[in-house]
N, C-alpha and C. Protein backbone atom coordinates (compact mmCIF):
# COMPACT_ATOMS: atom_id res chain seq x y z
N UNK A 1 -122.60 56.15 33.79
CA UNK A 1 -123.28 55.09 34.62
C UNK A 1 -124.68 55.15 34.73
N UNK A 2 -125.28 53.97 34.73
CA UNK A 2 -126.89 53.85 35.04
C UNK A 2 -126.96 54.04 36.43
N UNK A 3 -128.39 54.44 36.40
CA UNK A 3 -128.81 54.46 37.90
C UNK A 3 -129.20 53.32 38.77
N UNK A 4 -129.36 52.29 38.13
CA UNK A 4 -129.24 50.84 38.54
C UNK A 4 -127.63 50.13 39.02
N UNK A 5 -126.72 50.87 38.35
CA UNK A 5 -125.45 50.43 39.10
C UNK A 5 -124.99 51.06 40.70
N UNK A 6 -125.94 52.32 40.69
CA UNK A 6 -125.51 52.69 41.91
C UNK A 6 -126.05 51.95 43.03
N UNK A 7 -124.96 52.15 43.99
CA UNK A 7 -124.87 51.49 45.25
C UNK A 7 -126.68 51.88 45.93
N UNK A 8 -127.27 51.34 46.98
CA UNK A 8 -128.75 51.61 47.43
C UNK A 8 -128.31 52.68 48.48
N UNK A 9 -129.46 53.55 49.10
CA UNK A 9 -128.97 54.42 50.04
C UNK A 9 -128.80 53.47 51.12
N UNK A 10 -127.99 54.00 52.27
CA UNK A 10 -127.85 53.23 53.52
C UNK A 10 -129.23 53.04 54.42
N UNK A 11 -130.19 53.38 53.81
CA UNK A 11 -131.40 53.29 55.11
C UNK A 11 -132.19 51.94 54.32
N UNK A 12 -131.78 51.54 53.63
CA UNK A 12 -132.32 50.26 52.78
C UNK A 12 -132.29 49.05 53.90
N UNK A 13 -133.70 48.19 53.18
CA UNK A 13 -133.67 47.03 54.40
C UNK A 13 -132.36 46.38 55.02
N UNK A 14 -131.69 45.89 53.90
CA UNK A 14 -130.52 44.92 54.25
C UNK A 14 -129.63 45.82 55.44
N UNK A 15 -129.41 46.87 55.13
CA UNK A 15 -128.71 48.01 56.10
C UNK A 15 -129.27 47.85 57.52
N UNK A 16 -130.50 48.04 57.48
CA UNK A 16 -131.30 48.00 58.78
C UNK A 16 -131.22 46.67 59.56
N UNK A 17 -131.30 45.33 58.83
CA UNK A 17 -131.40 44.46 58.99
C UNK A 17 -129.78 44.11 59.68
N UNK A 18 -128.81 44.81 59.28
CA UNK A 18 -127.37 44.35 59.67
C UNK A 18 -127.29 45.57 60.98
N UNK A 19 -127.91 46.05 61.15
CA UNK A 19 -127.69 47.09 62.37
C UNK A 19 -128.82 46.48 63.66
N UNK A 20 -129.50 45.69 63.31
CA UNK A 20 -130.17 44.93 64.79
C UNK A 20 -129.45 44.54 65.53
N UNK A 21 -129.83 44.72 66.56
CA UNK A 21 -129.42 44.02 67.86
C UNK A 21 -129.88 42.62 67.87
N UNK A 22 -128.85 41.49 67.73
CA UNK A 22 -129.71 40.06 67.62
C UNK A 22 -129.53 39.52 68.82
N UNK A 23 -129.31 40.36 70.20
CA UNK A 23 -129.35 39.82 71.31
C UNK A 23 -130.36 39.56 72.01
N UNK A 24 -131.43 39.99 71.83
CA UNK A 24 -132.86 39.28 72.26
C UNK A 24 -133.49 38.04 71.82
N UNK A 25 -132.81 37.78 70.50
CA UNK A 25 -133.11 36.74 69.79
C UNK A 25 -132.97 35.43 70.69
N UNK A 26 -133.82 34.49 70.26
CA UNK A 26 -133.91 32.92 71.02
C UNK A 26 -132.80 32.28 70.16
N UNK A 27 -132.58 30.91 70.14
CA UNK A 27 -131.91 30.17 69.17
C UNK A 27 -133.13 29.93 68.10
N UNK A 28 -134.18 29.62 68.33
CA UNK A 28 -135.13 29.32 67.75
C UNK A 28 -135.41 30.34 66.33
N UNK A 29 -135.38 31.62 67.07
CA UNK A 29 -135.83 32.84 66.15
C UNK A 29 -134.66 33.04 65.42
N UNK A 30 -133.43 32.78 65.56
CA UNK A 30 -132.35 32.97 65.02
C UNK A 30 -132.16 32.26 63.82
N UNK A 31 -132.73 30.70 64.15
CA UNK A 31 -132.69 30.10 63.21
C UNK A 31 -133.87 30.26 61.88
N UNK A 32 -134.87 30.95 62.56
CA UNK A 32 -135.85 31.07 61.65
C UNK A 32 -135.53 32.33 60.72
N UNK A 33 -134.77 33.35 61.34
CA UNK A 33 -134.30 34.36 60.59
C UNK A 33 -133.42 34.10 59.32
N UNK A 34 -132.56 33.05 59.92
CA UNK A 34 -131.45 32.55 59.02
C UNK A 34 -132.16 31.61 57.59
N UNK A 35 -133.24 31.12 58.38
CA UNK A 35 -134.13 30.21 56.94
C UNK A 35 -134.68 31.47 56.33
N UNK A 36 -135.46 32.50 56.64
CA UNK A 36 -135.87 33.54 55.84
C UNK A 36 -134.81 34.13 55.10
N UNK A 37 -133.57 34.51 55.40
CA UNK A 37 -132.49 35.06 54.97
C UNK A 37 -132.25 34.58 53.71
N UNK A 38 -132.13 33.10 53.81
CA UNK A 38 -131.63 32.15 53.07
C UNK A 38 -132.65 32.47 51.49
N UNK A 39 -133.90 32.20 52.20
CA UNK A 39 -134.87 32.12 51.13
C UNK A 39 -134.98 33.66 50.12
N UNK A 40 -134.65 34.59 50.97
CA UNK A 40 -134.27 35.93 50.05
C UNK A 40 -133.43 35.79 49.31
N UNK A 41 -132.32 35.30 50.00
CA UNK A 41 -131.08 35.50 48.85
C UNK A 41 -130.96 34.81 47.77
N UNK A 42 -132.18 33.79 47.83
CA UNK A 42 -132.33 32.65 47.00
C UNK A 42 -132.94 33.63 45.61
N UNK A 43 -134.07 34.40 46.07
CA UNK A 43 -135.21 35.25 45.50
C UNK A 43 -134.53 36.18 44.39
N UNK A 44 -133.31 36.68 45.45
CA UNK A 44 -132.15 38.11 44.82
C UNK A 44 -131.45 37.46 43.64
N UNK A 45 -131.07 36.15 43.97
CA UNK A 45 -130.01 35.71 43.07
C UNK A 45 -130.85 35.31 41.81
N UNK A 46 -131.81 34.66 42.05
CA UNK A 46 -132.88 34.35 40.65
C UNK A 46 -133.51 35.70 40.11
N UNK A 47 -133.94 36.79 40.75
CA UNK A 47 -133.92 37.83 40.31
C UNK A 47 -132.82 38.58 39.30
N UNK A 48 -131.85 38.49 40.15
CA UNK A 48 -130.26 38.94 39.48
C UNK A 48 -129.95 37.83 38.20
N UNK A 49 -130.40 36.83 38.23
CA UNK A 49 -129.93 35.92 36.81
C UNK A 49 -130.61 36.08 35.62
N UNK A 50 -132.14 36.65 36.15
CA UNK A 50 -133.11 36.96 35.07
C UNK A 50 -132.89 38.41 34.38
N UNK A 51 -132.51 39.14 35.25
CA UNK A 51 -131.88 40.34 34.62
C UNK A 51 -130.95 40.71 33.93
N UNK A 52 -130.04 39.46 34.14
CA UNK A 52 -128.74 39.62 33.62
C UNK A 52 -128.86 38.82 32.18
N UNK A 53 -129.97 37.77 32.09
CA UNK A 53 -130.49 37.35 30.90
C UNK A 53 -130.95 38.06 29.98
N UNK A 54 -131.69 39.15 30.45
CA UNK A 54 -132.53 39.86 29.68
C UNK A 54 -131.55 41.02 29.47
N UNK A 55 -130.72 41.80 30.22
CA UNK A 55 -129.66 42.52 29.60
C UNK A 55 -128.87 42.10 28.42
N UNK A 56 -128.53 40.54 28.51
CA UNK A 56 -127.65 40.26 27.37
C UNK A 56 -128.46 39.77 26.00
N UNK A 57 -129.60 39.53 26.35
CA UNK A 57 -130.41 39.48 25.12
C UNK A 57 -130.53 40.44 24.41
N UNK A 58 -130.64 41.89 25.23
CA UNK A 58 -130.98 43.21 24.30
C UNK A 58 -129.80 43.47 23.70
N UNK A 59 -128.89 43.33 24.83
CA UNK A 59 -127.35 43.78 24.39
C UNK A 59 -126.89 43.23 22.85
N UNK A 60 -127.25 41.73 22.80
CA UNK A 60 -126.92 41.15 21.77
C UNK A 60 -127.95 41.58 20.44
N UNK A 61 -129.18 42.13 20.72
CA UNK A 61 -130.30 42.42 19.92
C UNK A 61 -129.82 43.56 19.39
N UNK A 62 -129.34 44.65 20.17
CA UNK A 62 -129.06 46.21 19.70
C UNK A 62 -127.47 45.94 19.22
N UNK A 63 -126.38 45.25 19.65
CA UNK A 63 -125.23 45.04 18.62
C UNK A 63 -125.18 44.52 17.55
N UNK A 64 -126.06 43.66 17.51
CA UNK A 64 -126.18 42.62 16.06
C UNK A 64 -127.06 43.86 14.97
N UNK A 65 -128.01 44.80 15.42
CA UNK A 65 -128.49 45.89 14.26
C UNK A 65 -127.37 46.86 14.00
N UNK A 66 -126.32 47.07 14.90
CA UNK A 66 -125.17 48.11 14.59
C UNK A 66 -124.47 47.58 13.41
N UNK A 67 -124.64 46.43 13.30
CA UNK A 67 -123.46 45.62 12.31
C UNK A 67 -124.18 45.40 10.75
N UNK A 68 -125.38 45.43 10.54
CA UNK A 68 -126.20 45.22 9.57
C UNK A 68 -126.40 46.31 8.61
């Protein structure tokens, strides 16, 4: 298994966000937080898609070399 496939340590940013008390935030602050998190989700999904494309291209390149 590659290191990239391992889960991140529990001290990562997402874990810290999930543990934060949301009680002190106003409705507007919560709405802004949701907006920012949605933007971050889109950024991560875009990166994951690009990484998967690169991986698929590399796999195709190297698997075709083994056949020839």
